[in-house]
Amino acid sequence: MPASLDKIAPWGRSLAEYIRMFDLTEANLGLHILDCAAGPASFNAEMHGRGHAVISCDPIYAFSAAEIARRIKQARAAIRKSTEAHRDNFVWTEYGSIESLARIRMAAMKQFLADLPLGLDEGRYRTSELPALPFRDLEFDLALCSHFLFTYSDALPLEFHLGAIREMCRVASEVRIFPLLPSFGTARSPHAELIIRQLSAEGYRCEIRRVPYEFQRGGNETLCVHRDGGRREPGAERP
């Protein structure tokens, strides 16, 4: 659990964005879904409104909606400034401008903030974080992780990524991670190839899937990891 929100920049996305980022079908939406490092996304709120089962986990849920709202307001200017400084690394066809993007993001986060108190009471939001999750083996059909793994490649080492993905595969039959780019970058994280190689050697099935979403230039791929085929301990040889 974080001691404060000072070093966290909460920034959330909508159900419509999740559907395209993770290439989710109507059948996928009906699965039992875990959203890891979910932050202030409106995905859970919108899915709950449709009668779907989603659990979101993030350490920021230890804080109240009012505290998170204050931190969003504080972080907004810095995020806007960074986006402006790297504006050529983004595809603006859909969002048009930084002002339009900010309105869309703030609308999603406003929906999250309104849903958080009820969602906490119902157990839809859990205060937990990777790489250790408080869920049973295969409790979920699908685990998602948006803009955390790979995004913070500079801060989170390769072993953290591997541990986090193994943990998500422990609790879900399939894992999808988006994007494969570092923050504000346009080339795949250096962790991506190494992770795929290691997980494949351990018996996981890995697939990079092109998705119908690209805001960060080159960020139109999601990593899908399946645990079918059986797990082996790290370093174990193939039979």
Protein backbone atom coordinates (compact mmCIF):
# COMPACT_ATOMS: atom_id res chain seq x y z
CA MET A 1 0.00 0.00 0.00
CA PRO A 2 1.45 3.40 -0.95
CA ALA A 3 2.21 5.80 1.89
CA SER A 4 0.87 8.71 -0.16
CA LEU A 5 -0.42 9.64 -3.58
CA ASP A 6 2.38 12.13 -4.18
CA LYS A 7 4.36 9.96 -6.60
CA ILE A 8 1.35 8.52 -8.40
CA ALA A 9 -0.20 10.16 -11.45
CA PRO A 10 -3.71 8.64 -11.66
CA TRP A 11 -5.01 8.61 -15.23
CA GLY A 12 -7.92 6.47 -16.40
CA ARG A 13 -9.43 5.14 -19.59
CA SER A 14 -12.93 4.14 -20.67
CA LEU A 15 -14.66 0.89 -21.56
CA ALA A 16 -14.61 1.86 -25.26
CA GLU A 17 -10.83 2.26 -25.07
CA TYR A 18 -10.41 -1.02 -23.19
CA ILE A 19 -12.39 -2.88 -25.83
CA ARG A 20 -10.02 -1.72 -28.56
CA MET A 21 -6.78 -1.80 -26.52
CA PHE A 22 -7.36 -5.42 -25.56
CA ASP A 23 -9.35 -6.49 -28.64
CA LEU A 24 -12.25 -7.57 -26.43
CA THR A 25 -15.20 -9.34 -28.07
CA GLU A 26 -18.74 -9.52 -26.71
CA ALA A 27 -17.91 -13.03 -25.53
CA ASN A 28 -14.80 -11.70 -23.72
CA LEU A 29 -16.92 -9.07 -21.94
CA GLY A 30 -19.06 -11.84 -20.47
CA LEU A 31 -16.07 -13.50 -18.79
CA HIS A 32 -14.97 -13.04 -15.17
CA ILE A 33 -12.32 -10.33 -15.61
CA LEU A 34 -9.54 -9.03 -13.37
CA ASP A 35 -8.17 -5.55 -14.15
CA CYS A 36 -4.67 -5.20 -12.65
CA ALA A 37 -3.12 -1.80 -11.91
CA ALA A 38 -6.52 -0.49 -12.96
CA GLY A 39 -6.16 2.99 -11.48
CA PRO A 40 -9.05 5.41 -12.04
CA ALA A 41 -10.38 3.78 -15.23
CA SER A 42 -14.14 3.72 -15.76
CA PHE A 43 -13.94 0.15 -17.13
CA ASN A 44 -15.28 -1.44 -13.94
CA ALA A 45 -18.07 1.10 -13.49
CA GLU A 46 -19.24 0.78 -17.10
CA MET A 47 -18.99 -3.01 -17.09
CA HIS A 48 -20.91 -3.20 -13.81
CA GLY A 49 -23.61 -1.06 -15.40
CA ARG A 50 -23.89 -3.67 -18.15
CA GLY A 51 -24.16 -6.51 -15.64
CA HIS A 52 -20.66 -7.91 -16.25
CA ALA A 53 -18.25 -9.26 -13.62
CA VAL A 54 -15.04 -7.25 -13.17
CA ILE A 55 -12.68 -6.96 -10.21
CA SER A 56 -10.20 -4.06 -10.32
CA CYS A 57 -7.08 -4.01 -8.17
CA ASP A 58 -4.72 -1.14 -7.47
CA PRO A 59 -2.96 0.27 -4.39
CA ILE A 60 -4.66 3.66 -4.86
CA TYR A 61 -7.95 2.15 -3.69
CA ALA A 62 -6.61 2.53 -0.16
CA PHE A 63 -7.46 6.22 -0.56
CA SER A 64 -10.87 7.85 -0.65
CA ALA A 65 -12.54 9.11 -3.80
CA ALA A 66 -11.96 12.68 -2.59
CA GLU A 67 -8.23 12.06 -2.06
CA ILE A 68 -7.85 10.45 -5.48
CA ALA A 69 -9.81 13.29 -7.09
CA ARG A 70 -7.46 15.84 -5.54
CA ARG A 71 -4.43 13.94 -6.83
CA ILE A 72 -5.93 13.71 -10.33
CA LYS A 73 -6.40 17.47 -10.32
CA GLN A 74 -2.79 18.00 -9.18
CA ALA A 75 -1.36 15.56 -11.73
CA ARG A 76 -3.38 16.79 -14.69
CA ALA A 77 -1.13 19.74 -15.51
CA ALA A 78 2.05 17.64 -15.40
CA ILE A 79 0.54 14.94 -17.61
CA ARG A 80 -0.65 17.56 -20.08
CA LYS A 81 2.80 19.15 -20.17
CA SER A 82 4.52 15.81 -20.79
CA THR A 83 2.03 14.92 -23.52
CA GLU A 84 2.62 18.28 -25.21
CA ALA A 85 6.38 17.77 -25.06
CA HIS A 86 6.02 14.40 -26.80
CA ARG A 87 3.03 15.21 -29.01
CA ASP A 88 4.78 13.87 -32.15
CA ASN A 89 4.89 10.43 -30.51
CA PHE A 90 1.10 10.23 -30.59
CA VAL A 91 -1.54 9.68 -33.27
CA TRP A 92 -4.13 12.44 -32.95
CA THR A 93 -6.63 11.23 -35.55
CA GLU A 94 -9.19 10.18 -32.96
CA TYR A 95 -8.62 12.62 -30.11
CA GLY A 96 -7.82 15.69 -32.18
CA SER A 97 -6.14 17.76 -29.51
CA ILE A 98 -4.70 17.61 -26.00
CA GLU A 99 -7.75 19.51 -24.75
CA SER A 100 -10.13 16.95 -26.26
CA LEU A 101 -8.05 14.07 -24.88
CA ALA A 102 -8.10 15.61 -21.40
CA ARG A 103 -11.90 15.95 -21.51
CA ILE A 104 -12.30 12.28 -22.47
CA ARG A 105 -9.91 11.11 -19.75
CA MET A 106 -11.53 13.32 -17.10
CA ALA A 107 -15.00 12.02 -18.03
CA ALA A 108 -13.79 8.44 -17.52
CA MET A 109 -12.19 9.28 -14.18
CA LYS A 110 -15.28 11.17 -13.01
CA GLN A 111 -17.32 8.03 -13.66
CA PHE A 112 -14.78 5.95 -11.71
CA LEU A 113 -14.84 8.35 -8.75
CA ALA A 114 -18.63 8.23 -8.59
CA ASP A 115 -18.58 4.42 -8.60
CA LEU A 116 -15.67 3.87 -6.18
CA PRO A 117 -17.49 4.02 -2.80
CA LEU A 118 -20.18 1.53 -3.88
CA GLY A 119 -17.62 -0.60 -5.73
CA LEU A 120 -15.47 -0.87 -2.62
CA ASP A 121 -18.47 -1.96 -0.55
CA GLU A 122 -19.34 -4.59 -3.17
CA GLY A 123 -15.75 -5.82 -3.41
CA ARG A 124 -15.34 -4.79 -7.05
CA TYR A 125 -12.31 -2.63 -6.18
CA ARG A 126 -9.51 -4.29 -4.20
CA THR A 127 -6.48 -2.65 -2.62
CA SER A 128 -3.73 -4.90 -3.93
CA GLU A 129 -0.87 -4.73 -6.38
CA LEU A 130 1.40 -6.77 -8.56
CA PRO A 131 3.39 -8.94 -8.28
CA ALA A 132 1.36 -10.52 -5.43
CA LEU A 133 -2.42 -10.84 -5.81
CA PRO A 134 -4.87 -12.02 -3.11
CA PHE A 135 -6.87 -14.29 -5.40
CA ARG A 136 -7.25 -18.04 -5.82
CA ASP A 137 -5.65 -20.01 -8.64
CA LEU A 138 -7.68 -19.59 -11.83
CA GLU A 139 -10.27 -17.43 -10.08
CA PHE A 140 -10.64 -15.40 -13.29
CA ASP A 141 -11.05 -16.15 -16.97
CA LEU A 142 -9.13 -13.10 -18.16
CA ALA A 143 -6.68 -10.68 -16.52
CA LEU A 144 -5.92 -7.30 -18.09
CA CYS A 145 -3.13 -4.82 -17.41
CA SER A 146 -3.16 -1.40 -19.06
CA HIS A 147 -0.32 1.16 -19.09
CA PHE A 148 1.70 -0.32 -16.24
CA LEU A 149 3.84 -3.27 -17.31
CA PHE A 150 6.14 -2.24 -20.19
CA THR A 151 5.01 1.38 -19.76
CA TYR A 152 7.33 1.73 -16.75
CA SER A 153 10.15 -0.38 -18.17
CA ASP A 154 12.76 2.05 -16.87
CA ALA A 155 11.50 1.80 -13.29
CA LEU A 156 10.34 -1.84 -13.19
CA PRO A 157 13.06 -4.42 -13.96
CA LEU A 158 12.67 -7.50 -16.08
CA GLU A 159 12.23 -9.80 -13.06
CA PHE A 160 9.36 -7.67 -11.78
CA HIS A 161 7.61 -7.98 -15.14
CA LEU A 162 8.12 -11.74 -15.21
CA GLY A 163 6.86 -12.16 -11.65
CA ALA A 164 3.82 -9.98 -12.33
CA ILE A 165 2.86 -11.86 -15.48
CA ARG A 166 3.34 -15.26 -13.82
CA GLU A 167 1.11 -14.08 -10.97
CA MET A 168 -1.61 -12.92 -13.35
CA CYS A 169 -1.37 -16.28 -15.13
CA ARG A 170 -1.79 -17.99 -11.76
CA VAL A 171 -5.13 -16.32 -11.15
CA ALA A 172 -6.46 -16.19 -14.74
CA SER A 173 -6.54 -18.52 -17.75
CA GLU A 174 -5.46 -15.72 -20.09
CA VAL A 175 -3.57 -12.45 -19.60
CA ARG A 176 -3.53 -9.43 -21.92
CA ILE A 177 -1.10 -6.54 -21.48
CA PHE A 178 -1.24 -3.22 -23.35
CA PRO A 179 0.79 -1.43 -24.68
CA LEU A 180 4.22 -2.96 -25.28
CA LEU A 181 5.85 0.47 -25.37
CA PRO A 182 7.61 2.43 -22.61
CA SER A 183 5.99 5.68 -21.52
CA PHE A 184 6.10 8.23 -24.38
CA GLY A 185 8.17 5.81 -26.48
CA THR A 186 7.42 4.50 -29.98
CA ALA A 187 9.42 1.24 -29.96
CA ARG A 188 8.73 -1.94 -28.03
CA SER A 189 10.09 -2.20 -24.51
CA PRO A 190 13.43 -4.05 -24.36
CA HIS A 191 11.72 -6.36 -21.84
CA ALA A 192 9.18 -7.64 -24.38
CA GLU A 193 11.31 -10.09 -26.37
CA LEU A 194 13.08 -11.41 -23.26
CA ILE A 195 9.78 -11.96 -21.46
CA ILE A 196 8.24 -13.83 -24.38
CA ARG A 197 11.32 -16.02 -24.70
CA GLN A 198 11.40 -16.85 -20.97
CA LEU A 199 7.68 -17.47 -20.57
CA SER A 200 7.62 -19.65 -23.68
CA ALA A 201 10.45 -21.71 -22.20
CA GLU A 202 8.35 -22.16 -19.04
CA GLY A 203 5.43 -23.56 -21.02
CA TYR A 204 3.24 -20.47 -21.43
CA ARG A 205 1.79 -19.67 -24.85
CA CYS A 206 2.57 -16.09 -25.86
CA GLU A 207 1.09 -14.12 -28.74
CA ILE A 208 1.51 -10.51 -29.81
CA ARG A 209 -1.82 -9.42 -31.26
CA ARG A 210 -2.44 -6.35 -33.42
CA VAL A 211 -5.35 -4.38 -31.97
CA PRO A 212 -7.68 -1.68 -33.40
CA TYR A 213 -6.29 1.07 -31.18
CA GLU A 214 -3.27 3.31 -31.60
CA PHE A 215 -2.76 6.53 -29.70
CA GLN A 216 0.89 6.15 -28.71
CA ARG A 217 2.57 5.85 -32.12
CA GLY A 218 3.40 2.19 -32.71
CA GLY A 219 1.31 1.20 -29.68
CA ASN A 220 -1.21 -1.02 -31.46
CA GLU A 221 -0.15 -4.37 -30.00
CA THR A 222 -1.21 -6.32 -26.95
CA LEU A 223 0.65 -9.27 -25.44
CA CYS A 224 -1.60 -12.28 -24.81
CA VAL A 225 -0.28 -14.98 -22.48
CA HIS A 226 -2.07 -18.29 -21.94
CA ARG A 227 -1.23 -20.78 -19.25
CA ASP A 228 -2.46 -23.80 -21.24
CA GLY A 229 0.29 -26.28 -21.96
CA GLY A 230 1.32 -26.37 -18.30
CA ARG A 231 3.72 -24.35 -16.18
CA ARG A 232 7.30 -25.27 -15.48
CA GLU A 233 9.52 -23.64 -12.94
CA PRO A 234 11.81 -20.88 -14.28
CA GLY A 235 14.83 -22.42 -15.96
CA ALA A 236 13.28 -25.86 -16.35
CA GLU A 237 14.15 -27.62 -19.57
CA ARG A 238 11.58 -28.69 -22.10
CA PRO A 239 10.69 -32.38 -21.98
